[in-house]
Amino acid sequence: MKLGRLNHIGVATPSLEKSIAYYRDVMGATKIHDPFDLPAQGVKVCFVDTPGENGTAGTQIELIEPLGAESPIHGFIAKNPAGGQHHMCYEVPDIHEAKAWFEGRGARVLGEPRIGAHGTLIFFVHPKDMNGVLTEIMESPKEGAGH
């Protein structure tokens, strides 16, 4: 099994509004998607596109704000009040094959595959099994789908 392209970098934030302004005004982002709630994961999400090269899509930044005290992001923000990098997300062609591969290597997969912010199946792998980085694995979106 081989990981595909880096789809996005998840950045936790206490304020989507302030983070959107930062990426627009300081980082020069020109394509900022509409924020939306993802109640199943306890977060509000906004994708920011980075420019690609040679006709490819750039890596997205996924801004993540907690939707309350029960959100898994709430604890991250409590430890990192200004927010910060939360996870990296890689694409794979088959989510179930990827899950079996990671588990076969002894990696701790956090939960069963579920629908993520792009509308495709995802799972997370524990940072202790991924060189210290919380890693999201997502099934590659079909053409024209998702955010």
N, C-alpha and C. Protein backbone atom coordinates (compact mmCIF):
# COMPACT_ATOMS: atom_id res chain seq x y z
N MET A 1 0.85 -1.18 0.00
CA MET A 1 0.00 0.00 0.00
C MET A 1 0.88 1.23 0.00
N LYS A 2 0.47 2.23 -0.75
CA LYS A 2 1.23 3.47 -0.83
C LYS A 2 0.28 4.63 -0.60
N LEU A 3 0.69 5.57 0.25
CA LEU A 3 -0.13 6.76 0.48
C LEU A 3 -0.14 7.61 -0.78
N GLY A 4 -1.29 8.24 -1.03
CA GLY A 4 -1.41 9.16 -2.14
C GLY A 4 -1.01 10.57 -1.73
N ARG A 5 -1.52 11.55 -2.46
CA ARG A 5 -1.10 12.94 -2.23
C ARG A 5 -1.56 13.47 -0.88
N LEU A 6 -0.82 14.44 -0.39
CA LEU A 6 -1.21 15.14 0.83
C LEU A 6 -2.42 15.99 0.46
N ASN A 7 -3.60 15.62 0.96
CA ASN A 7 -4.83 16.30 0.60
C ASN A 7 -5.00 17.61 1.36
N HIS A 8 -4.78 17.55 2.69
CA HIS A 8 -4.90 18.78 3.48
C HIS A 8 -4.13 18.68 4.79
N ILE A 9 -3.91 19.85 5.36
CA ILE A 9 -3.33 19.97 6.69
C ILE A 9 -4.41 20.56 7.57
N GLY A 10 -4.74 19.86 8.63
CA GLY A 10 -5.77 20.33 9.56
C GLY A 10 -5.16 21.28 10.57
N VAL A 11 -5.77 22.45 10.71
CA VAL A 11 -5.31 23.47 11.65
C VAL A 11 -6.46 23.80 12.59
N ALA A 12 -6.28 23.49 13.86
CA ALA A 12 -7.30 23.81 14.86
C ALA A 12 -7.22 25.30 15.18
N THR A 13 -8.39 25.90 15.41
CA THR A 13 -8.45 27.32 15.70
C THR A 13 -9.58 27.61 16.69
N PRO A 14 -9.36 28.57 17.58
CA PRO A 14 -10.46 28.96 18.46
C PRO A 14 -11.49 29.83 17.74
N SER A 15 -11.13 30.37 16.55
CA SER A 15 -12.03 31.25 15.80
C SER A 15 -11.84 31.09 14.30
N LEU A 16 -12.81 30.46 13.65
CA LEU A 16 -12.75 30.35 12.19
C LEU A 16 -12.69 31.74 11.56
N GLU A 17 -13.48 32.64 12.08
CA GLU A 17 -13.55 33.99 11.51
C GLU A 17 -12.17 34.66 11.49
N LYS A 18 -11.45 34.59 12.61
CA LYS A 18 -10.12 35.21 12.67
C LYS A 18 -9.12 34.47 11.79
N SER A 19 -9.22 33.15 11.75
CA SER A 19 -8.31 32.37 10.91
C SER A 19 -8.55 32.61 9.43
N ILE A 20 -9.81 32.72 9.04
CA ILE A 20 -10.14 33.03 7.64
C ILE A 20 -9.53 34.38 7.26
N ALA A 21 -9.68 35.37 8.14
CA ALA A 21 -9.11 36.70 7.88
C ALA A 21 -7.58 36.60 7.73
N TYR A 22 -6.95 35.81 8.58
CA TYR A 22 -5.49 35.64 8.51
C TYR A 22 -5.08 35.04 7.17
N TYR A 23 -5.71 33.93 6.76
CA TYR A 23 -5.33 33.29 5.51
C TYR A 23 -5.63 34.18 4.31
N ARG A 24 -6.69 34.98 4.38
CA ARG A 24 -7.03 35.90 3.29
C ARG A 24 -6.08 37.10 3.26
N ASP A 25 -5.93 37.78 4.42
CA ASP A 25 -5.24 39.06 4.46
C ASP A 25 -3.73 38.95 4.60
N VAL A 26 -3.24 37.93 5.28
CA VAL A 26 -1.80 37.79 5.50
C VAL A 26 -1.19 36.79 4.52
N MET A 27 -1.86 35.65 4.34
CA MET A 27 -1.30 34.59 3.50
C MET A 27 -1.73 34.70 2.03
N GLY A 28 -2.65 35.61 1.73
CA GLY A 28 -3.04 35.86 0.34
C GLY A 28 -3.93 34.81 -0.29
N ALA A 29 -4.64 34.03 0.53
CA ALA A 29 -5.54 33.01 -0.02
C ALA A 29 -6.66 33.69 -0.81
N THR A 30 -6.93 33.18 -1.99
CA THR A 30 -7.99 33.75 -2.82
C THR A 30 -9.20 32.84 -2.93
N LYS A 31 -9.05 31.57 -2.58
CA LYS A 31 -10.18 30.63 -2.63
C LYS A 31 -10.42 30.09 -1.23
N ILE A 32 -11.44 30.64 -0.59
CA ILE A 32 -11.83 30.21 0.75
C ILE A 32 -13.26 29.70 0.64
N HIS A 33 -13.45 28.42 0.95
CA HIS A 33 -14.76 27.80 0.84
C HIS A 33 -15.66 28.25 1.99
N ASP A 34 -16.95 28.08 1.83
CA ASP A 34 -17.90 28.43 2.88
C ASP A 34 -17.71 27.50 4.07
N PRO A 35 -17.66 28.05 5.29
CA PRO A 35 -17.59 27.20 6.49
C PRO A 35 -18.87 26.38 6.63
N PHE A 36 -18.74 25.20 7.23
CA PHE A 36 -19.92 24.36 7.48
C PHE A 36 -19.70 23.56 8.76
N ASP A 37 -20.80 23.20 9.40
CA ASP A 37 -20.76 22.39 10.61
C ASP A 37 -20.68 20.92 10.24
N LEU A 38 -19.90 20.19 11.02
CA LEU A 38 -19.80 18.74 10.90
C LEU A 38 -20.11 18.17 12.29
N PRO A 39 -21.42 18.18 12.65
CA PRO A 39 -21.80 17.80 14.01
C PRO A 39 -21.37 16.40 14.43
N ALA A 40 -21.30 15.47 13.48
CA ALA A 40 -20.90 14.09 13.82
C ALA A 40 -19.47 14.06 14.38
N GLN A 41 -18.65 15.04 14.00
CA GLN A 41 -17.28 15.10 14.50
C GLN A 41 -17.08 16.24 15.49
N GLY A 42 -18.15 17.00 15.78
CA GLY A 42 -18.09 18.06 16.78
C GLY A 42 -17.27 19.26 16.36
N VAL A 43 -17.23 19.55 15.06
CA VAL A 43 -16.41 20.65 14.57
C VAL A 43 -17.14 21.49 13.52
N LYS A 44 -16.66 22.70 13.37
CA LYS A 44 -17.03 23.57 12.26
C LYS A 44 -15.77 23.65 11.39
N VAL A 45 -15.94 23.54 10.08
CA VAL A 45 -14.81 23.40 9.17
C VAL A 45 -14.86 24.45 8.07
N CYS A 46 -13.69 24.90 7.65
CA CYS A 46 -13.58 25.77 6.49
C CYS A 46 -12.31 25.39 5.73
N PHE A 47 -12.44 25.08 4.45
CA PHE A 47 -11.28 24.74 3.63
C PHE A 47 -10.75 25.97 2.91
N VAL A 48 -9.43 26.11 2.92
CA VAL A 48 -8.73 27.19 2.23
C VAL A 48 -7.83 26.52 1.21
N ASP A 49 -7.97 26.91 -0.06
CA ASP A 49 -7.14 26.32 -1.12
C ASP A 49 -5.80 27.05 -1.21
N THR A 50 -4.73 26.28 -1.39
CA THR A 50 -3.45 26.87 -1.74
C THR A 50 -3.28 26.66 -3.24
N PRO A 51 -2.51 27.53 -3.89
CA PRO A 51 -2.36 27.37 -5.34
C PRO A 51 -1.59 26.10 -5.69
N GLY A 52 -1.99 25.46 -6.78
CA GLY A 52 -1.27 24.28 -7.27
C GLY A 52 -0.30 24.70 -8.36
N GLU A 53 0.40 23.73 -8.89
CA GLU A 53 1.34 23.99 -9.99
C GLU A 53 1.06 23.02 -11.12
N ASN A 54 1.31 23.46 -12.33
CA ASN A 54 1.18 22.60 -13.52
C ASN A 54 -0.18 21.92 -13.61
N GLY A 55 -1.23 22.65 -13.29
CA GLY A 55 -2.58 22.13 -13.43
C GLY A 55 -3.05 21.26 -12.28
N THR A 56 -2.23 21.11 -11.24
CA THR A 56 -2.65 20.30 -10.10
C THR A 56 -3.28 21.18 -9.03
N ALA A 57 -4.10 20.57 -8.20
CA ALA A 57 -4.68 21.28 -7.07
C ALA A 57 -3.64 21.36 -5.97
N GLY A 58 -3.59 22.50 -5.28
CA GLY A 58 -2.68 22.65 -4.15
C GLY A 58 -3.24 21.90 -2.94
N THR A 59 -2.41 21.77 -1.94
CA THR A 59 -2.84 21.17 -0.68
C THR A 59 -3.76 22.14 0.03
N GLN A 60 -4.88 21.65 0.52
CA GLN A 60 -5.81 22.53 1.24
C GLN A 60 -5.39 22.65 2.70
N ILE A 61 -5.79 23.77 3.30
CA ILE A 61 -5.72 23.95 4.74
C ILE A 61 -7.15 23.76 5.23
N GLU A 62 -7.34 22.86 6.20
CA GLU A 62 -8.65 22.64 6.80
C GLU A 62 -8.65 23.34 8.15
N LEU A 63 -9.36 24.45 8.23
CA LEU A 63 -9.50 25.15 9.51
C LEU A 63 -10.60 24.46 10.30
N ILE A 64 -10.32 24.17 11.57
CA ILE A 64 -11.25 23.39 12.39
C ILE A 64 -11.49 24.13 13.70
N GLU A 65 -12.75 24.44 13.96
CA GLU A 65 -13.15 25.10 15.21
C GLU A 65 -14.05 24.15 15.98
N PRO A 66 -13.87 24.04 17.31
CA PRO A 66 -14.74 23.14 18.07
C PRO A 66 -16.19 23.64 18.07
N LEU A 67 -17.13 22.70 18.07
CA LEU A 67 -18.56 23.02 18.15
C LEU A 67 -19.06 22.85 19.58
N GLY A 68 -18.23 23.16 20.56
CA GLY A 68 -18.64 23.03 21.95
C GLY A 68 -17.64 22.22 22.76
N ALA A 69 -17.93 22.10 24.05
CA ALA A 69 -17.00 21.45 24.99
C ALA A 69 -16.81 19.97 24.73
N GLU A 70 -17.75 19.32 24.04
CA GLU A 70 -17.63 17.88 23.77
C GLU A 70 -16.78 17.59 22.53
N SER A 71 -16.41 18.62 21.79
CA SER A 71 -15.63 18.44 20.57
C SER A 71 -14.24 17.90 20.88
N PRO A 72 -13.74 16.96 20.06
CA PRO A 72 -12.37 16.49 20.26
C PRO A 72 -11.35 17.63 20.08
N ILE A 73 -11.72 18.66 19.35
CA ILE A 73 -10.82 19.80 19.13
C ILE A 73 -10.77 20.70 20.37
N HIS A 74 -11.81 20.64 21.20
CA HIS A 74 -11.87 21.47 22.40
C HIS A 74 -10.63 21.25 23.29
N GLY A 75 -10.27 19.99 23.51
CA GLY A 75 -9.10 19.66 24.32
C GLY A 75 -7.81 20.17 23.70
N PHE A 76 -7.71 20.07 22.38
CA PHE A 76 -6.52 20.56 21.67
C PHE A 76 -6.39 22.07 21.87
N ILE A 77 -7.50 22.80 21.74
CA ILE A 77 -7.48 24.26 21.92
C ILE A 77 -7.16 24.61 23.38
N ALA A 78 -7.65 23.80 24.33
CA ALA A 78 -7.35 24.06 25.75
C ALA A 78 -5.84 23.99 25.99
N LYS A 79 -5.15 23.06 25.30
CA LYS A 79 -3.69 22.92 25.45
C LYS A 79 -2.93 23.91 24.57
N ASN A 80 -3.56 24.37 23.49
CA ASN A 80 -2.95 25.27 22.52
C ASN A 80 -3.92 26.43 22.24
N PRO A 81 -4.02 27.39 23.16
CA PRO A 81 -5.07 28.42 23.06
C PRO A 81 -5.08 29.21 21.74
N ALA A 82 -3.94 29.33 21.09
CA ALA A 82 -3.89 30.05 19.82
C ALA A 82 -4.23 29.14 18.64
N GLY A 83 -4.40 27.84 18.90
CA GLY A 83 -4.63 26.88 17.84
C GLY A 83 -3.30 26.35 17.32
N GLY A 84 -3.35 25.65 16.19
CA GLY A 84 -2.12 25.12 15.60
C GLY A 84 -2.39 23.90 14.75
N GLN A 85 -1.31 23.35 14.18
CA GLN A 85 -1.46 22.18 13.32
C GLN A 85 -2.02 21.03 14.13
N HIS A 86 -3.08 20.43 13.62
CA HIS A 86 -3.76 19.34 14.31
C HIS A 86 -3.46 17.98 13.66
N HIS A 87 -3.54 17.92 12.32
CA HIS A 87 -3.29 16.65 11.63
C HIS A 87 -2.89 16.89 10.18
N MET A 88 -2.40 15.82 9.56
CA MET A 88 -2.12 15.82 8.13
C MET A 88 -2.99 14.71 7.53
N CYS A 89 -3.50 14.96 6.32
CA CYS A 89 -4.41 14.00 5.68
C CYS A 89 -3.87 13.57 4.32
N TYR A 90 -3.77 12.24 4.16
CA TYR A 90 -3.30 11.66 2.91
C TYR A 90 -4.42 10.88 2.24
N GLU A 91 -4.44 10.90 0.92
CA GLU A 91 -5.42 10.15 0.15
C GLU A 91 -4.95 8.72 -0.08
N VAL A 92 -5.92 7.82 -0.15
CA VAL A 92 -5.68 6.43 -0.56
C VAL A 92 -6.83 6.03 -1.49
N PRO A 93 -6.58 5.08 -2.42
CA PRO A 93 -7.65 4.67 -3.33
C PRO A 93 -8.73 3.84 -2.65
N ASP A 94 -8.36 3.07 -1.61
CA ASP A 94 -9.32 2.17 -0.97
C ASP A 94 -9.14 2.26 0.55
N ILE A 95 -10.11 2.83 1.23
CA ILE A 95 -10.01 3.09 2.68
C ILE A 95 -9.92 1.80 3.48
N HIS A 96 -10.65 0.76 3.08
CA HIS A 96 -10.65 -0.49 3.83
C HIS A 96 -9.33 -1.24 3.69
N GLU A 97 -8.77 -1.20 2.49
CA GLU A 97 -7.45 -1.79 2.27
C GLU A 97 -6.40 -1.05 3.10
N ALA A 98 -6.51 0.28 3.15
CA ALA A 98 -5.55 1.08 3.92
C ALA A 98 -5.67 0.77 5.42
N LYS A 99 -6.88 0.66 5.91
CA LYS A 99 -7.09 0.36 7.33
C LYS A 99 -6.46 -0.99 7.68
N ALA A 100 -6.70 -1.99 6.86
CA ALA A 100 -6.12 -3.32 7.09
C ALA A 100 -4.59 -3.26 7.05
N TRP A 101 -4.04 -2.48 6.14
CA TRP A 101 -2.59 -2.35 6.02
C TRP A 101 -1.99 -1.73 7.27
N PHE A 102 -2.59 -0.61 7.75
CA PHE A 102 -2.08 0.04 8.97
C PHE A 102 -2.20 -0.89 10.17
N GLU A 103 -3.34 -1.55 10.31
CA GLU A 103 -3.53 -2.46 11.44
C GLU A 103 -2.55 -3.64 11.35
N GLY A 104 -2.29 -4.10 10.14
CA GLY A 104 -1.33 -5.19 9.95
C GLY A 104 0.08 -4.81 10.37
N ARG A 105 0.37 -3.53 10.36
CA ARG A 105 1.68 -3.03 10.80
C ARG A 105 1.68 -2.72 12.29
N GLY A 106 0.54 -2.95 12.97
CA GLY A 106 0.45 -2.69 14.40
C GLY A 106 0.08 -1.26 14.76
N ALA A 107 -0.30 -0.47 13.77
CA ALA A 107 -0.69 0.91 14.04
C ALA A 107 -2.07 0.97 14.67
N ARG A 108 -2.27 1.93 15.56
CA ARG A 108 -3.57 2.12 16.21
C ARG A 108 -4.46 2.99 15.34
N VAL A 109 -5.44 2.37 14.73
CA VAL A 109 -6.44 3.09 13.94
C VAL A 109 -7.53 3.54 14.92
N LEU A 110 -7.86 4.81 14.89
CA LEU A 110 -8.79 5.40 15.85
C LEU A 110 -10.21 5.35 15.30
N GLY A 111 -10.91 4.28 15.58
CA GLY A 111 -12.29 4.13 15.14
C GLY A 111 -12.42 3.51 13.76
N GLU A 112 -13.66 3.30 13.39
CA GLU A 112 -13.97 2.72 12.09
C GLU A 112 -14.03 3.83 11.03
N PRO A 113 -13.87 3.48 9.74
CA PRO A 113 -14.02 4.49 8.71
C PRO A 113 -15.39 5.16 8.80
N ARG A 114 -15.38 6.48 8.63
CA ARG A 114 -16.60 7.28 8.70
C ARG A 114 -16.50 8.40 7.69
N ILE A 115 -17.62 9.03 7.41
CA ILE A 115 -17.64 10.11 6.42
C ILE A 115 -16.96 11.35 7.01
N GLY A 116 -16.00 11.89 6.28
CA GLY A 116 -15.27 13.08 6.70
C GLY A 116 -15.79 14.33 6.00
N ALA A 117 -15.07 15.41 6.19
CA ALA A 117 -15.49 16.73 5.68
C ALA A 117 -15.55 16.80 4.16
N HIS A 118 -14.82 15.94 3.45
CA HIS A 118 -14.87 15.93 1.98
C HIS A 118 -15.98 15.02 1.45
N GLY A 119 -16.72 14.39 2.36
CA GLY A 119 -17.81 13.51 1.93
C GLY A 119 -17.34 12.11 1.56
N THR A 120 -16.08 11.79 1.86
CA THR A 120 -15.56 10.45 1.59
C THR A 120 -15.18 9.80 2.92
N LEU A 121 -14.95 8.49 2.89
CA LEU A 121 -14.59 7.77 4.11
C LEU A 121 -13.20 8.14 4.59
N ILE A 122 -13.07 8.28 5.92
CA ILE A 122 -11.80 8.63 6.55
C ILE A 122 -11.60 7.79 7.81
N PHE A 123 -10.36 7.74 8.28
CA PHE A 123 -10.05 7.29 9.64
C PHE A 123 -8.77 8.00 10.05
N PHE A 124 -8.48 7.97 11.35
CA PHE A 124 -7.26 8.58 11.87
C PHE A 124 -6.35 7.49 12.41
N VAL A 125 -5.04 7.74 12.34
CA VAL A 125 -4.04 6.85 12.90
C VAL A 125 -3.35 7.59 14.04
N HIS A 126 -3.19 6.91 15.17
CA HIS A 126 -2.62 7.51 16.36
C HIS A 126 -1.24 8.12 16.07
N PRO A 127 -0.98 9.32 16.59
CA PRO A 127 0.31 9.97 16.32
C PRO A 127 1.52 9.16 16.80
N LYS A 128 1.36 8.36 17.85
CA LYS A 128 2.51 7.57 18.34
C LYS A 128 2.93 6.51 17.32
N ASP A 129 2.05 6.19 16.38
CA ASP A 129 2.38 5.22 15.34
C ASP A 129 2.71 5.90 14.00
N MET A 130 2.72 7.25 14.01
CA MET A 130 2.95 8.00 12.76
C MET A 130 4.01 9.09 12.96
N ASN A 131 5.09 8.71 13.65
CA ASN A 131 6.20 9.63 13.84
C ASN A 131 5.78 10.92 14.54
N GLY A 132 4.80 10.82 15.44
CA GLY A 132 4.37 11.96 16.24
C GLY A 132 3.30 12.84 15.62
N VAL A 133 2.78 12.46 14.46
CA VAL A 133 1.80 13.29 13.77
C VAL A 133 0.46 12.55 13.68
N LEU A 134 -0.62 13.16 14.23
CA LEU A 134 -1.95 12.62 14.02
C LEU A 134 -2.20 12.63 12.51
N THR A 135 -2.55 11.47 11.96
CA THR A 135 -2.66 11.34 10.51
C THR A 135 -4.05 10.86 10.13
N GLU A 136 -4.67 11.62 9.24
CA GLU A 136 -5.97 11.24 8.69
C GLU A 136 -5.73 10.56 7.36
N ILE A 137 -6.42 9.46 7.15
CA ILE A 137 -6.37 8.75 5.88
C ILE A 137 -7.77 8.88 5.27
N MET A 138 -7.82 9.36 4.04
CA MET A 138 -9.12 9.52 3.39
C MET A 138 -9.13 8.85 2.03
N GLU A 139 -10.29 8.28 1.69
CA GLU A 139 -10.44 7.72 0.36
C GLU A 139 -10.48 8.88 -0.62
N SER A 140 -9.72 8.77 -1.70
CA SER A 140 -9.65 9.85 -2.69
C SER A 140 -11.05 10.24 -3.16
N PRO A 141 -11.33 11.55 -3.14
CA PRO A 141 -12.66 11.99 -3.62
C PRO A 141 -12.83 11.67 -5.09
N LYS A 142 -14.06 11.36 -5.46
CA LYS A 142 -14.38 11.16 -6.88
C LYS A 142 -14.42 12.53 -7.54
N GLU A 143 -14.17 12.58 -8.81
CA GLU A 143 -14.13 13.84 -9.57
C GLU A 143 -15.38 14.67 -9.32
N GLY A 144 -15.17 15.93 -8.93
CA GLY A 144 -16.30 16.86 -8.75
C GLY A 144 -17.03 16.74 -7.42
N ALA A 145 -16.56 15.86 -6.52
CA ALA A 145 -17.24 15.67 -5.23
C ALA A 145 -16.52 16.39 -4.12
N GLY A 146 -17.21 16.62 -3.01
CA GLY A 146 -16.59 17.16 -1.80
C GLY A 146 -16.21 18.61 -1.89
N HIS A 147 -15.38 19.01 -0.94
CA HIS A 147 -14.97 20.41 -0.80
C HIS A 147 -13.60 20.53 -1.36
